[in-house]
């Protein structure tokens, strides 16, 4: 099987590369950097090019040619000035290059496209209501893929929407900051017990993506992916991993939220309103569909994933 990956040098992309090489598949990666700078195994075919900018169409035609599966994982999570061009313009250009060339388009999206939910269960049938620019443009990217299939430009597609993905090389530092606060004895819970921790181990995401790419019943479907636990269990697993007793301090939400607002202008403050939102959120994401249709099951538990994360951090 010939597999193509955009974002193949990123956190999740590298894990997909490794998995398909282990399966004995041929792997092709689109990269703005040259072969000697990508840091991928020699077995990986590198097509130097970009999703946006001058010459994008030509390089994307070379990249997409003859692919059995195309994983579209490229994304911009920090620079808002690039999000529209990459998530929408880049996806549109790649779709044009992929017409008649690929077997299955697998789109890596995000549960963020459903918008902020404080309570309840979010399913694939929940109406999208993205808030921030990242979420808005990712939803638009998904829509472009679905529209291309409806026009007959794609043979099939699958969209996977994971919650917060974590692993040793993740660019999101929020869990590392949480680990450090627990180690220092400075962590405290906010609000009533029972808040949701909506995370998923990166290797589990790769398992799900491979199912999306290879299972016939995944064609033209959208799947959510998350591994829900209570915030108390999540923090407890980190505490065990770092050899600390679980935190017991709990502060009401209102004063913490007011304090977070006053600290908005403090550079690199660990207390922000978005962090407060994450600590009191009680929504969860159903994975009934991917379990029942594709036979998905978590291979690595949240506790084991956190233990591996802490061990990798200590090994650096």
C-alpha atoms as a PDB file:
ATOM      1  CA  UNK A   1       0.000   0.000   0.000  1.00  0.00           C
ATOM      2  CA  UNK A   2       1.254   3.464  -0.890  1.00  0.00           C
ATOM      3  CA  UNK A   3       0.480   6.004   1.839  1.00  0.00           C
ATOM      4  CA  UNK A   4       0.862   9.777   1.578  1.00  0.00           C
ATOM      5  CA  UNK A   5       0.963  12.076   4.594  1.00  0.00           C
ATOM      6  CA  UNK A   6       0.780  15.847   4.867  1.00  0.00           C
ATOM      7  CA  UNK A   7       2.125  17.044   8.196  1.00  0.00           C
ATOM      8  CA  UNK A   8       4.302  13.939   8.242  1.00  0.00           C
ATOM      9  CA  UNK A   9       7.072  15.646  10.217  1.00  0.00           C
ATOM     10  CA  UNK A  10       4.664  16.765  12.940  1.00  0.00           C
ATOM     11  CA  UNK A  11       3.710  15.155  16.232  1.00  0.00           C
ATOM     12  CA  UNK A  12       0.952  12.876  14.950  1.00  0.00           C
ATOM     13  CA  UNK A  13       2.348  12.656  11.416  1.00  0.00           C
ATOM     14  CA  UNK A  14       5.617  11.088  12.549  1.00  0.00           C
ATOM     15  CA  UNK A  15       3.702   8.469  14.492  1.00  0.00           C
ATOM     16  CA  UNK A  16       1.675   7.610  11.369  1.00  0.00           C
ATOM     17  CA  UNK A  17       4.891   7.322   9.338  1.00  0.00           C
ATOM     18  CA  UNK A  18       6.392   4.908  11.871  1.00  0.00           C
ATOM     19  CA  UNK A  19       3.245   2.784  12.026  1.00  0.00           C
ATOM     20  CA  UNK A  20       2.972   2.336   8.264  1.00  0.00           C
ATOM     21  CA  UNK A  21       6.656   1.543   7.902  1.00  0.00           C
ATOM     22  CA  UNK A  22       6.207  -1.130  10.575  1.00  0.00           C
ATOM     23  CA  UNK A  23       3.297  -2.503   8.512  1.00  0.00           C
ATOM     24  CA  UNK A  24       5.578  -2.769   5.491  1.00  0.00           C
ATOM     25  CA  UNK A  25       3.800  -0.047   3.534  1.00  0.00           C
ATOM     26  CA  UNK A  26       5.431   2.481   1.241  1.00  0.00           C
ATOM     27  CA  UNK A  27       5.291   5.970   2.739  1.00  0.00           C
ATOM     28  CA  UNK A  28       5.445   9.322   0.969  1.00  0.00           C
ATOM     29  CA  UNK A  29       5.606  12.624   2.894  1.00  0.00           C
ATOM     30  CA  UNK A  30       5.038  16.154   1.676  1.00  0.00           C
ATOM     31  CA  UNK A  31       7.529  18.508   3.293  1.00  0.00           C
ATOM     32  CA  UNK A  32       8.714  22.062   2.808  1.00  0.00           C
ATOM     33  CA  UNK A  33      12.170  20.882   3.874  1.00  0.00           C
ATOM     34  CA  UNK A  34      14.648  18.854   1.873  1.00  0.00           C
ATOM     35  CA  UNK A  35      15.426  15.182   2.490  1.00  0.00           C
ATOM     36  CA  UNK A  36      18.476  15.912   4.666  1.00  0.00           C
ATOM     37  CA  UNK A  37      16.451  18.164   6.994  1.00  0.00           C
ATOM     38  CA  UNK A  38      13.215  16.252   7.608  1.00  0.00           C
ATOM     39  CA  UNK A  39      14.559  13.781  10.170  1.00  0.00           C
ATOM     40  CA  UNK A  40      12.541  10.855   8.807  1.00  0.00           C
ATOM     41  CA  UNK A  41      13.806   7.323   7.998  1.00  0.00           C
ATOM     42  CA  UNK A  42      15.526   6.830   4.655  1.00  0.00           C
ATOM     43  CA  UNK A  43      12.708   4.504   3.564  1.00  0.00           C
ATOM     44  CA  UNK A  44      10.308   7.446   3.413  1.00  0.00           C
ATOM     45  CA  UNK A  45       9.879   9.119   0.031  1.00  0.00           C
ATOM     46  CA  UNK A  46      10.029  12.896   0.396  1.00  0.00           C
ATOM     47  CA  UNK A  47       8.212  15.210  -1.995  1.00  0.00           C
ATOM     48  CA  UNK A  48       9.489  18.701  -1.350  1.00  0.00           C
ATOM     49  CA  UNK A  49       6.667  21.183  -1.637  1.00  0.00           C
ATOM     50  CA  UNK A  50       4.023  23.158   0.187  1.00  0.00           C
ATOM     51  CA  UNK A  51       0.250  23.279   0.460  1.00  0.00           C
ATOM     52  CA  UNK A  52       0.259  27.013  -0.141  1.00  0.00           C
ATOM     53  CA  UNK A  53       2.314  29.478  -2.133  1.00  0.00           C
ATOM     54  CA  UNK A  54       3.986  29.528  -5.521  1.00  0.00           C
ATOM     55  CA  UNK A  55       4.434  26.118  -7.099  1.00  0.00           C
ATOM     56  CA  UNK A  56       2.084  24.348  -4.683  1.00  0.00           C
ATOM     57  CA  UNK A  57      -0.081  22.793  -7.400  1.00  0.00           C
ATOM     58  CA  UNK A  58       2.843  21.189  -9.200  1.00  0.00           C
ATOM     59  CA  UNK A  59       4.376  19.636  -6.071  1.00  0.00           C
ATOM     60  CA  UNK A  60       0.976  18.429  -4.841  1.00  0.00           C
ATOM     61  CA  UNK A  61       0.305  16.611  -8.110  1.00  0.00           C
ATOM     62  CA  UNK A  62       3.570  14.717  -7.647  1.00  0.00           C
ATOM     63  CA  UNK A  63       2.714  14.002  -4.020  1.00  0.00           C
ATOM     64  CA  UNK A  64      -0.824  12.724  -4.658  1.00  0.00           C
ATOM     65  CA  UNK A  65      -0.073  10.586  -7.703  1.00  0.00           C
ATOM     66  CA  UNK A  66      -1.135   6.961  -7.202  1.00  0.00           C
ATOM     67  CA  UNK A  67      -1.757   7.067  -3.444  1.00  0.00           C
ATOM     68  CA  UNK A  68      -3.903   4.334  -1.937  1.00  0.00           C
ATOM     69  CA  UNK A  69      -4.412   6.469   1.162  1.00  0.00           C
ATOM     70  CA  UNK A  70      -3.814  10.160   1.761  1.00  0.00           C
ATOM     71  CA  UNK A  71      -3.673  11.332   5.386  1.00  0.00           C
ATOM     72  CA  UNK A  72      -4.263  15.083   5.547  1.00  0.00           C
ATOM     73  CA  UNK A  73      -2.685  15.986   8.892  1.00  0.00           C
ATOM     74  CA  UNK A  74      -1.053  19.336   8.137  1.00  0.00           C
ATOM     75  CA  UNK A  75      -2.311  22.098  10.383  1.00  0.00           C
ATOM     76  CA  UNK A  76      -1.404  25.375  12.046  1.00  0.00           C
ATOM     77  CA  UNK A  77      -2.174  25.654  15.757  1.00  0.00           C
ATOM     78  CA  UNK A  78      -0.321  28.848  16.691  1.00  0.00           C
ATOM     79  CA  UNK A  79      -0.029  31.385  13.861  1.00  0.00           C
ATOM     80  CA  UNK A  80      -3.541  32.653  13.126  1.00  0.00           C
ATOM     81  CA  UNK A  81      -2.292  34.517  10.052  1.00  0.00           C
ATOM     82  CA  UNK A  82      -1.631  31.132   8.371  1.00  0.00           C
ATOM     83  CA  UNK A  83      -4.719  29.199   9.451  1.00  0.00           C
ATOM     84  CA  UNK A  84      -7.079  30.347   6.718  1.00  0.00           C
ATOM     85  CA  UNK A  85      -4.533  29.862   3.924  1.00  0.00           C
ATOM     86  CA  UNK A  86      -3.373  26.441   5.149  1.00  0.00           C
ATOM     87  CA  UNK A  87      -6.571  24.818   6.377  1.00  0.00           C
ATOM     88  CA  UNK A  88      -8.797  26.106   3.597  1.00  0.00           C
ATOM     89  CA  UNK A  89      -6.613  27.196   0.676  1.00  0.00           C
ATOM     90  CA  UNK A  90      -4.155  24.343   1.156  1.00  0.00           C
ATOM     91  CA  UNK A  91      -6.904  21.744   1.445  1.00  0.00           C
ATOM     92  CA  UNK A  92      -8.626  23.086  -1.669  1.00  0.00           C
ATOM     93  CA  UNK A  93      -5.401  22.930  -3.705  1.00  0.00           C
ATOM     94  CA  UNK A  94      -4.596  19.438  -2.462  1.00  0.00           C
ATOM     95  CA  UNK A  95      -8.090  18.252  -3.349  1.00  0.00           C
ATOM     96  CA  UNK A  96      -7.628  19.558  -6.890  1.00  0.00           C
ATOM     97  CA  UNK A  97      -4.367  17.628  -7.168  1.00  0.00           C
ATOM     98  CA  UNK A  98      -5.924  14.460  -5.752  1.00  0.00           C
ATOM     99  CA  UNK A  99      -8.812  14.144  -8.259  1.00  0.00           C
ATOM    100  CA  UNK A 100      -8.709  10.647  -9.694  1.00  0.00           C
ATOM    101  CA  UNK A 101      -5.411   9.884  -7.978  1.00  0.00           C
ATOM    102  CA  UNK A 102      -6.142   8.459  -4.524  1.00  0.00           C
ATOM    103  CA  UNK A 103      -8.164   5.677  -2.943  1.00  0.00           C
ATOM    104  CA  UNK A 104      -9.127   7.039   0.490  1.00  0.00           C
ATOM    105  CA  UNK A 105      -8.723  10.558   1.886  1.00  0.00           C
ATOM    106  CA  UNK A 106      -8.349  10.477   5.692  1.00  0.00           C
ATOM    107  CA  UNK A 107      -8.889  13.883   7.254  1.00  0.00           C
ATOM    108  CA  UNK A 108      -7.427  14.608  10.697  1.00  0.00           C
ATOM    109  CA  UNK A 109      -9.815  17.094  12.254  1.00  0.00           C
ATOM    110  CA  UNK A 110     -10.679  17.991  15.867  1.00  0.00           C
ATOM    111  CA  UNK A 111     -13.597  17.776  18.289  1.00  0.00           C
ATOM    112  CA  UNK A 112     -13.093  21.532  18.548  1.00  0.00           C
ATOM    113  CA  UNK A 113     -15.303  21.918  15.462  1.00  0.00           C
ATOM    114  CA  UNK A 114     -18.330  21.202  17.676  1.00  0.00           C
ATOM    115  CA  UNK A 115     -17.606  24.337  19.665  1.00  0.00           C
ATOM    116  CA  UNK A 116     -17.423  24.743  23.433  1.00  0.00           C
ATOM    117  CA  UNK A 117     -19.665  22.356  25.357  1.00  0.00           C
ATOM    118  CA  UNK A 118     -19.710  22.624  29.133  1.00  0.00           C
ATOM    119  CA  UNK A 119     -22.023  19.644  29.777  1.00  0.00           C
ATOM    120  CA  UNK A 120     -23.564  16.673  28.019  1.00  0.00           C
ATOM    121  CA  UNK A 121     -22.423  14.126  25.460  1.00  0.00           C
ATOM    122  CA  UNK A 122     -21.143  15.249  22.057  1.00  0.00           C
ATOM    123  CA  UNK A 123     -21.663  12.816  19.185  1.00  0.00           C
ATOM    124  CA  UNK A 124     -20.981  12.916  15.462  1.00  0.00           C
ATOM    125  CA  UNK A 125     -24.574  14.065  15.075  1.00  0.00           C
ATOM    126  CA  UNK A 126     -24.014  17.158  17.219  1.00  0.00           C
ATOM    127  CA  UNK A 127     -24.237  20.288  15.094  1.00  0.00           C
ATOM    128  CA  UNK A 128     -20.794  21.877  14.600  1.00  0.00           C
ATOM    129  CA  UNK A 129     -20.441  25.326  16.136  1.00  0.00           C
ATOM    130  CA  UNK A 130     -16.732  26.218  16.025  1.00  0.00           C
ATOM    131  CA  UNK A 131     -15.596  29.237  18.009  1.00  0.00           C
ATOM    132  CA  UNK A 132     -11.938  30.178  17.499  1.00  0.00           C
ATOM    133  CA  UNK A 133     -10.225  30.689  14.147  1.00  0.00           C
ATOM    134  CA  UNK A 134      -8.449  27.335  14.348  1.00  0.00           C
ATOM    135  CA  UNK A 135     -11.720  25.484  14.866  1.00  0.00           C
ATOM    136  CA  UNK A 136     -13.574  27.526  12.233  1.00  0.00           C
ATOM    137  CA  UNK A 137     -10.959  26.858   9.569  1.00  0.00           C
ATOM    138  CA  UNK A 138     -10.646  23.164  10.454  1.00  0.00           C
ATOM    139  CA  UNK A 139     -14.415  22.782  10.063  1.00  0.00           C
ATOM    140  CA  UNK A 140     -14.191  24.569   6.708  1.00  0.00           C
ATOM    141  CA  UNK A 141     -11.452  22.144   5.667  1.00  0.00           C
ATOM    142  CA  UNK A 142     -13.681  19.196   6.579  1.00  0.00           C
ATOM    143  CA  UNK A 143     -16.500  20.714   4.533  1.00  0.00           C
ATOM    144  CA  UNK A 144     -14.261  21.043   1.490  1.00  0.00           C
ATOM    145  CA  UNK A 145     -13.413  17.337   1.664  1.00  0.00           C
ATOM    146  CA  UNK A 146     -17.055  16.303   2.052  1.00  0.00           C
ATOM    147  CA  UNK A 147     -18.067  18.548  -0.873  1.00  0.00           C
ATOM    148  CA  UNK A 148     -15.333  17.040  -3.058  1.00  0.00           C
ATOM    149  CA  UNK A 149     -16.723  13.572  -2.382  1.00  0.00           C
ATOM    150  CA  UNK A 150     -20.248  14.749  -3.218  1.00  0.00           C
ATOM    151  CA  UNK A 151     -18.954  16.075  -6.567  1.00  0.00           C
ATOM    152  CA  UNK A 152     -17.311  12.737  -7.291  1.00  0.00           C
ATOM    153  CA  UNK A 153     -13.762  14.126  -7.047  1.00  0.00           C
ATOM    154  CA  UNK A 154     -12.846  11.622  -4.325  1.00  0.00           C
ATOM    155  CA  UNK A 155     -13.381   7.869  -4.262  1.00  0.00           C
ATOM    156  CA  UNK A 156     -13.999   7.995  -0.496  1.00  0.00           C
ATOM    157  CA  UNK A 157     -13.097   9.960   2.621  1.00  0.00           C
ATOM    158  CA  UNK A 158     -13.073   9.521   6.392  1.00  0.00           C
ATOM    159  CA  UNK A 159     -12.873  12.308   8.966  1.00  0.00           C
ATOM    160  CA  UNK A 160     -11.403  11.600  12.415  1.00  0.00           C
ATOM    161  CA  UNK A 161     -12.014  14.164  15.162  1.00  0.00           C
ATOM    162  CA  UNK A 162      -9.867  13.477  18.243  1.00  0.00           C
ATOM    163  CA  UNK A 163      -9.913  15.378  21.516  1.00  0.00           C
ATOM    164  CA  UNK A 164      -6.620  16.602  23.040  1.00  0.00           C
ATOM    165  CA  UNK A 165      -3.866  14.290  21.802  1.00  0.00           C
ATOM    166  CA  UNK A 166      -0.899  13.701  24.069  1.00  0.00           C
ATOM    167  CA  UNK A 167       2.417  11.919  23.899  1.00  0.00           C
ATOM    168  CA  UNK A 168       6.111  12.442  24.527  1.00  0.00           C
ATOM    169  CA  UNK A 169       6.769  14.805  21.601  1.00  0.00           C
ATOM    170  CA  UNK A 170       3.567  16.816  21.718  1.00  0.00           C
ATOM    171  CA  UNK A 171       3.818  20.552  20.967  1.00  0.00           C
ATOM    172  CA  UNK A 172       1.024  21.360  23.444  1.00  0.00           C
ATOM    173  CA  UNK A 173       2.803  21.968  26.756  1.00  0.00           C
ATOM    174  CA  UNK A 174      -0.284  22.167  28.976  1.00  0.00           C
ATOM    175  CA  UNK A 175       0.061  18.635  30.373  1.00  0.00           C
ATOM    176  CA  UNK A 176       3.758  19.157  31.052  1.00  0.00           C
ATOM    177  CA  UNK A 177       2.842  22.293  32.989  1.00  0.00           C
ATOM    178  CA  UNK A 178       0.238  20.317  34.924  1.00  0.00           C
ATOM    179  CA  UNK A 179       2.823  17.641  35.722  1.00  0.00           C
ATOM    180  CA  UNK A 180       5.205  20.282  37.018  1.00  0.00           C
ATOM    181  CA  UNK A 181       2.537  21.899  39.204  1.00  0.00           C
ATOM    182  CA  UNK A 182       1.681  18.511  40.707  1.00  0.00           C
ATOM    183  CA  UNK A 183       5.358  17.781  41.371  1.00  0.00           C
ATOM    184  CA  UNK A 184       5.736  21.114  43.166  1.00  0.00           C
ATOM    185  CA  UNK A 185       2.585  20.570  45.206  1.00  0.00           C
ATOM    186  CA  UNK A 186       0.984  23.677  43.664  1.00  0.00           C
ATOM    187  CA  UNK A 187      -1.857  22.050  41.752  1.00  0.00           C
ATOM    188  CA  UNK A 188      -5.437  22.575  42.917  1.00  0.00           C
ATOM    189  CA  UNK A 189      -8.813  21.471  41.608  1.00  0.00           C
ATOM    190  CA  UNK A 190     -11.385  24.031  40.563  1.00  0.00           C
ATOM    191  CA  UNK A 191     -15.094  23.728  41.232  1.00  0.00           C
ATOM    192  CA  UNK A 192     -17.085  20.615  42.111  1.00  0.00           C
ATOM    193  CA  UNK A 193     -15.660  17.100  41.649  1.00  0.00           C
ATOM    194  CA  UNK A 194     -16.371  15.117  38.503  1.00  0.00           C
ATOM    195  CA  UNK A 195     -15.103  17.444  35.767  1.00  0.00           C
ATOM    196  CA  UNK A 196     -14.141  15.808  32.458  1.00  0.00           C
ATOM    197  CA  UNK A 197     -10.645  15.136  31.175  1.00  0.00           C
ATOM    198  CA  UNK A 198     -11.046  14.625  27.424  1.00  0.00           C
ATOM    199  CA  UNK A 199      -7.670  13.354  26.205  1.00  0.00           C
ATOM    200  CA  UNK A 200      -6.409  10.596  23.922  1.00  0.00           C
ATOM    201  CA  UNK A 201      -2.973   8.910  23.673  1.00  0.00           C
ATOM    202  CA  UNK A 202      -1.244   9.534  20.338  1.00  0.00           C
ATOM    203  CA  UNK A 203      -0.708   5.835  19.588  1.00  0.00           C
ATOM    204  CA  UNK A 204      -4.451   5.282  19.999  1.00  0.00           C
ATOM    205  CA  UNK A 205      -5.087   8.073  17.490  1.00  0.00           C
ATOM    206  CA  UNK A 206      -2.816   6.311  15.016  1.00  0.00           C
ATOM    207  CA  UNK A 207      -4.698   3.042  15.594  1.00  0.00           C
ATOM    208  CA  UNK A 208      -7.941   4.843  14.756  1.00  0.00           C
ATOM    209  CA  UNK A 209      -6.467   6.552  11.699  1.00  0.00           C
ATOM    210  CA  UNK A 210      -5.262   3.242  10.275  1.00  0.00           C
ATOM    211  CA  UNK A 211      -8.745   1.787  10.757  1.00  0.00           C
ATOM    212  CA  UNK A 212     -10.177   4.837   8.980  1.00  0.00           C
ATOM    213  CA  UNK A 213      -7.744   4.258   6.113  1.00  0.00           C
ATOM    214  CA  UNK A 214      -8.165   0.523   5.700  1.00  0.00           C
ATOM    215  CA  UNK A 215     -11.701  -0.488   6.703  1.00  0.00           C
ATOM    216  CA  UNK A 216     -14.308  -0.438   3.884  1.00  0.00           C
ATOM    217  CA  UNK A 217     -17.070   0.504   6.335  1.00  0.00           C
ATOM    218  CA  UNK A 218     -15.193   3.701   7.244  1.00  0.00           C
ATOM    219  CA  UNK A 219     -15.853   5.170   3.807  1.00  0.00           C
ATOM    220  CA  UNK A 220     -17.600   8.540   3.904  1.00  0.00           C
ATOM    221  CA  UNK A 221     -17.936   8.513   7.691  1.00  0.00           C
ATOM    222  CA  UNK A 222     -17.044  10.921  10.477  1.00  0.00           C
ATOM    223  CA  UNK A 223     -15.718   9.594  13.793  1.00  0.00           C
ATOM    224  CA  UNK A 224     -15.002  11.195  17.150  1.00  0.00           C
ATOM    225  CA  UNK A 225     -12.185   9.871  19.312  1.00  0.00           C
ATOM    226  CA  UNK A 226     -11.512  10.506  22.987  1.00  0.00           C
ATOM    227  CA  UNK A 227     -10.695   8.622  26.175  1.00  0.00           C
ATOM    228  CA  UNK A 228     -12.798  10.218  28.893  1.00  0.00           C
ATOM    229  CA  UNK A 229     -11.903  10.187  32.558  1.00  0.00           C
ATOM    230  CA  UNK A 230     -12.687  12.372  35.521  1.00  0.00           C
ATOM    231  CA  UNK A 231     -10.230  15.131  36.232  1.00  0.00           C
ATOM    232  CA  UNK A 232      -9.554  13.500  39.595  1.00  0.00           C
ATOM    233  CA  UNK A 233      -8.524  10.215  37.938  1.00  0.00           C
ATOM    234  CA  UNK A 234      -6.426  12.041  35.343  1.00  0.00           C
ATOM    235  CA  UNK A 235      -4.552  14.064  37.970  1.00  0.00           C
ATOM    236  CA  UNK A 236      -4.270  10.980  40.148  1.00  0.00           C
ATOM    237  CA  UNK A 237      -2.557   9.088  37.317  1.00  0.00           C
ATOM    238  CA  UNK A 238      -0.034  11.908  36.916  1.00  0.00           C
ATOM    239  CA  UNK A 239       0.540  11.982  40.676  1.00  0.00           C
ATOM    240  CA  UNK A 240       1.281   8.259  40.683  1.00  0.00           C
ATOM    241  CA  UNK A 241       3.649   8.651  37.736  1.00  0.00           C
ATOM    242  CA  UNK A 242       5.686  11.354  39.500  1.00  0.00           C
ATOM    243  CA  UNK A 243       5.575   9.669  42.906  1.00  0.00           C
ATOM    244  CA  UNK A 244       3.382  12.238  44.662  1.00  0.00           C
ATOM    245  CA  UNK A 245       0.202  11.971  46.705  1.00  0.00           C
ATOM    246  CA  UNK A 246      -2.812  13.196  44.715  1.00  0.00           C
ATOM    247  CA  UNK A 247      -3.688  16.862  45.346  1.00  0.00           C
ATOM    248  CA  UNK A 248      -6.592  17.538  47.689  1.00  0.00           C
ATOM    249  CA  UNK A 249      -6.961  21.322  47.534  1.00  0.00           C
ATOM    250  CA  UNK A 250     -10.146  22.474  45.780  1.00  0.00           C
ATOM    251  CA  UNK A 251     -11.136  26.105  45.177  1.00  0.00           C
ATOM    252  CA  UNK A 252     -14.545  27.377  43.989  1.00  0.00           C
ATOM    253  CA  UNK A 253     -14.731  28.305  40.318  1.00  0.00           C
ATOM    254  CA  UNK A 254     -15.867  31.933  40.628  1.00  0.00           C
ATOM    255  CA  UNK A 255     -12.868  33.390  42.517  1.00  0.00           C
ATOM    256  CA  UNK A 256     -10.402  31.430  40.360  1.00  0.00           C
ATOM    257  CA  UNK A 257     -12.047  32.677  37.180  1.00  0.00           C
ATOM    258  CA  UNK A 258     -11.925  36.275  38.420  1.00  0.00           C
ATOM    259  CA  UNK A 259      -8.244  35.861  39.283  1.00  0.00           C
ATOM    260  CA  UNK A 260      -7.553  34.388  35.817  1.00  0.00           C
ATOM    261  CA  UNK A 261      -9.103  37.461  34.203  1.00  0.00           C
ATOM    262  CA  UNK A 262      -6.874  39.787  36.198  1.00  0.00           C
ATOM    263  CA  UNK A 263      -3.789  37.798  35.125  1.00  0.00           C
ATOM    264  CA  UNK A 264      -4.507  37.891  31.390  1.00  0.00           C
ATOM    265  CA  UNK A 265      -1.726  40.403  30.755  1.00  0.00           C
ATOM    266  CA  UNK A 266       0.888  38.501  32.764  1.00  0.00           C
ATOM    267  CA  UNK A 267       3.299  36.817  30.295  1.00  0.00           C
ATOM    268  CA  UNK A 268       3.281  32.993  30.397  1.00  0.00           C
ATOM    269  CA  UNK A 269       0.867  32.844  33.306  1.00  0.00           C
ATOM    270  CA  UNK A 270      -0.228  29.263  34.066  1.00  0.00           C
ATOM    271  CA  UNK A 271      -3.672  30.502  35.094  1.00  0.00           C
ATOM    272  CA  UNK A 272      -5.878  31.546  32.178  1.00  0.00           C
ATOM    273  CA  UNK A 273      -9.601  31.469  31.581  1.00  0.00           C
ATOM    274  CA  UNK A 274      -9.164  28.728  29.009  1.00  0.00           C
ATOM    275  CA  UNK A 275      -7.388  26.633  31.647  1.00  0.00           C
ATOM    276  CA  UNK A 276     -10.239  27.269  34.058  1.00  0.00           C
ATOM    277  CA  UNK A 277     -12.707  26.203  31.360  1.00  0.00           C
ATOM    278  CA  UNK A 278     -10.764  22.981  30.867  1.00  0.00           C
ATOM    279  CA  UNK A 279     -10.718  22.255  34.596  1.00  0.00           C
ATOM    280  CA  UNK A 280     -14.485  22.639  35.100  1.00  0.00           C
ATOM    281  CA  UNK A 281     -15.794  21.247  31.785  1.00  0.00           C
ATOM    282  CA  UNK A 282     -18.226  18.347  32.186  1.00  0.00           C
ATOM    283  CA  UNK A 283     -18.854  17.430  28.547  1.00  0.00           C
ATOM    284  CA  UNK A 284     -17.647  14.176  27.038  1.00  0.00           C
ATOM    285  CA  UNK A 285     -17.281  12.855  23.494  1.00  0.00           C
ATOM    286  CA  UNK A 286     -18.980   9.623  22.536  1.00  0.00           C
ATOM    287  CA  UNK A 287     -16.899   7.070  20.636  1.00  0.00           C
ATOM    288  CA  UNK A 288     -19.744   4.583  20.227  1.00  0.00           C
ATOM    289  CA  UNK A 289     -19.692   4.952  16.433  1.00  0.00           C
ATOM    290  CA  UNK A 290     -16.017   4.125  15.874  1.00  0.00           C
ATOM    291  CA  UNK A 291     -16.225   1.272  18.356  1.00  0.00           C
ATOM    292  CA  UNK A 292     -19.310  -0.310  16.814  1.00  0.00           C
ATOM    293  CA  UNK A 293     -18.477   0.288  13.136  1.00  0.00           C
ATOM    294  CA  UNK A 294     -14.705  -0.228  13.085  1.00  0.00           C
ATOM    295  CA  UNK A 295     -14.102  -2.330  16.194  1.00  0.00           C
ATOM    296  CA  UNK A 296     -11.876   0.338  17.703  1.00  0.00           C
ATOM    297  CA  UNK A 297     -10.656  -0.110  21.299  1.00  0.00           C
ATOM    298  CA  UNK A 298      -8.111   1.864  23.315  1.00  0.00           C
ATOM    299  CA  UNK A 299      -4.846  -0.099  23.259  1.00  0.00           C
ATOM    300  CA  UNK A 300      -3.110   2.249  25.721  1.00  0.00           C
ATOM    301  CA  UNK A 301      -4.925   3.542  28.787  1.00  0.00           C
ATOM    302  CA  UNK A 302      -4.815   7.136  29.953  1.00  0.00           C
ATOM    303  CA  UNK A 303      -2.826   6.040  33.027  1.00  0.00           C
ATOM    304  CA  UNK A 304      -0.238   4.174  30.930  1.00  0.00           C
ATOM    305  CA  UNK A 305      -0.040   7.058  28.468  1.00  0.00           C
ATOM    306  CA  UNK A 306       0.669   9.506  31.279  1.00  0.00           C
ATOM    307  CA  UNK A 307       3.238   7.169  32.809  1.00  0.00           C
ATOM    308  CA  UNK A 308       4.997   6.940  29.441  1.00  0.00           C
ATOM    309  CA  UNK A 309       4.836  10.714  29.063  1.00  0.00           C
ATOM    310  CA  UNK A 310       6.475  11.327  32.435  1.00  0.00           C
ATOM    311  CA  UNK A 311       9.136   8.665  31.772  1.00  0.00           C
ATOM    312  CA  UNK A 312       9.988  10.223  28.401  1.00  0.00           C
ATOM    313  CA  UNK A 313      10.251  13.653  29.989  1.00  0.00           C
ATOM    314  CA  UNK A 314      12.595  12.371  32.679  1.00  0.00           C
ATOM    315  CA  UNK A 315      14.752  10.624  30.063  1.00  0.00           C
ATOM    316  CA  UNK A 316      15.478  13.897  28.227  1.00  0.00           C
END
